[in-house]
Protein backbone atom coordinates (compact mmCIF):
# COMPACT_ATOMS: atom_id res chain seq x y z
CA MET A 1 0.64 -12.58 -13.68
CA ILE A 2 -1.15 -14.01 -10.66
CA LEU A 3 -1.31 -11.89 -7.53
CA ARG A 4 -2.72 -12.74 -4.14
CA SER A 5 -4.64 -10.14 -2.22
CA ASP A 6 -4.53 -11.90 1.14
CA ARG A 7 -0.78 -12.52 1.65
CA PHE A 8 1.98 -9.98 1.26
CA GLU A 9 5.70 -10.73 1.45
CA THR A 10 8.00 -7.76 2.15
CA THR A 11 11.40 -9.44 2.01
CA PRO A 12 13.59 -7.60 -0.52
CA GLY A 13 14.00 -9.53 -3.74
CA SER A 14 11.05 -11.85 -3.11
CA THR A 15 9.19 -13.09 -6.14
CA GLY A 16 5.91 -14.82 -6.72
CA GLU A 17 2.23 -14.17 -6.24
CA CYS A 18 2.65 -12.74 -2.71
CA ALA A 19 5.61 -10.45 -3.43
CA VAL A 20 4.16 -7.61 -5.52
CA LEU A 21 4.79 -5.19 -2.61
CA ALA A 22 8.30 -6.45 -1.84
CA PRO A 23 11.16 -4.05 -2.57
CA PRO A 24 13.86 -5.02 -5.08
CA ALA A 25 16.70 -7.36 -4.10
CA ASP A 26 19.21 -4.50 -3.81
CA PHE A 27 17.06 -2.68 -1.23
CA SER A 28 19.02 -2.34 2.01
CA GLY A 29 17.09 0.32 3.90
CA ASP A 30 15.24 0.29 7.20
CA GLY A 31 11.51 0.59 7.84
CA ARG A 32 11.47 4.30 7.11
CA ALA A 33 13.24 3.70 3.79
CA PHE A 34 10.74 0.94 2.96
CA THR A 35 7.86 3.33 3.59
CA GLU A 36 9.52 5.87 1.28
CA TRP A 37 10.03 3.18 -1.37
CA LEU A 38 6.37 2.16 -1.04
CA ARG A 39 5.23 5.80 -1.32
CA ASN A 40 7.32 6.34 -4.47
CA SER A 41 6.07 3.06 -5.92
CA TYR A 42 2.47 4.09 -5.23
CA ASP A 43 3.07 7.35 -7.06
CA ASN A 44 4.85 5.81 -10.05
CA ASP A 45 3.67 2.22 -10.52
CA PRO A 46 0.01 1.68 -11.48
CA LEU A 47 0.11 -1.99 -10.41
CA ILE A 48 1.36 -1.19 -6.91
CA ARG A 49 -1.13 1.67 -6.64
CA GLN A 50 -3.97 -0.69 -7.58
CA VAL A 51 -2.88 -3.46 -5.20
CA LEU A 52 -2.56 -1.01 -2.31
CA ALA A 53 -5.91 0.62 -3.08
CA ILE A 54 -7.69 -2.75 -3.30
CA GLN A 55 -6.16 -3.87 -0.02
CA ALA A 56 -6.94 -0.52 1.64
CA LEU A 57 -10.56 -0.53 0.54
CA ASN A 58 -11.36 -4.24 0.86
CA GLY A 59 -8.73 -5.76 3.14
CA ASP A 60 -10.78 -5.30 6.29
CA SER A 61 -14.00 -6.65 4.76
CA PRO A 62 -15.47 -9.79 6.35
CA ARG A 63 -15.86 -11.15 2.80
CA HIS A 64 -12.16 -10.74 2.11
CA GLY A 65 -10.91 -12.47 5.24
CA PRO A 66 -7.81 -11.53 7.19
CA SER A 67 -4.63 -10.68 5.30
CA THR A 68 -1.20 -11.96 6.25
CA PHE A 69 1.83 -9.68 6.15
CA MET A 70 5.24 -11.34 6.19
CA GLY A 71 8.85 -10.27 6.09
CA PRO A 72 10.94 -7.55 7.66
CA PHE A 73 8.62 -4.70 6.62
CA ALA A 74 5.29 -6.34 7.40
CA CYS A 75 4.47 -3.75 10.07
CA GLU A 76 5.33 -0.81 7.83
CA LEU A 77 3.18 -2.24 5.04
CA GLN A 78 0.22 -2.76 7.38
CA ASP A 79 0.58 0.79 8.72
CA SER A 80 0.76 2.22 5.21
CA ILE A 81 -2.37 0.35 4.16
CA THR A 82 -4.21 1.48 7.29
CA ARG A 83 -3.32 5.11 6.61
CA LEU A 84 -4.28 4.80 2.95
CA ARG A 85 -7.59 3.20 3.99
CA GLY A 86 -8.38 6.14 6.25
CA TRP A 87 -7.47 8.64 3.57
CA LEU A 88 -9.45 6.91 0.81
CA ARG A 89 -12.51 6.52 3.00
CA SER A 90 -12.38 10.13 4.18
CA LYS A 91 -12.42 11.58 0.68
CA PRO A 92 -15.80 13.01 -0.35
CA LYS A 93 -17.59 11.03 -3.01
CA ALA A 94 -16.74 12.37 -6.45
CA THR A 95 -19.52 13.73 -8.60
CA SER A 96 -19.86 12.40 -12.12
CA ALA A 97 -18.36 15.65 -13.48
CA SER A 98 -15.20 15.29 -11.40
CA SER A 99 -14.89 11.51 -11.12
CA HIS A 100 -12.08 11.38 -13.67
CA HIS A 101 -10.07 14.18 -12.12
CA HIS A 102 -6.92 13.09 -10.32
CA ASP A 103 -5.09 15.65 -8.26
CA ASP A 104 -1.50 14.47 -7.86
CA GLY A 105 -1.02 16.98 -5.05
CA ASP A 106 -3.71 15.25 -3.01
CA VAL A 107 -2.13 11.83 -3.47
CA GLY A 108 1.33 13.03 -2.51
CA GLU A 109 0.01 14.93 0.46
CA SER A 110 -2.00 11.99 1.76
CA LEU A 111 0.83 9.49 1.45
CA SER A 112 3.57 11.79 2.71
CA ASP A 113 2.65 11.00 6.31
CA LEU A 114 2.90 7.20 6.08
CA GLN A 115 5.02 6.03 8.96
CA ARG A 116 5.30 3.19 11.41
CA SER A 117 2.94 3.15 14.36
CA ASP A 118 3.76 2.07 17.89
CA ASP A 119 1.51 -0.99 17.55
CA CYS A 120 4.12 -3.05 15.70
């Protein structure tokens, strides 16, 4: 599977290298429902979690270049990535003894506040 890390399509049912963060074809919700779908996908799908984490940590790097967000939920996706970026960068660096520890409560708590900003 080939995935792009610079273009993200959010149209429900989209397929292809830019559509890993697109909801399924039967998705008919609004922006808030998309954010909830994305949060649940982050919690339950390792691929989506990895793509979001890579974008959150590297998407604003000058080496990476600007990302393009397309589709009806582009703004919600950008907002979610921005919030995840802030959360990931605010976490204290793990020590070698605790680097493999994953606290599901922390992940749920950090992503529970993903919502659309007024900038979109």
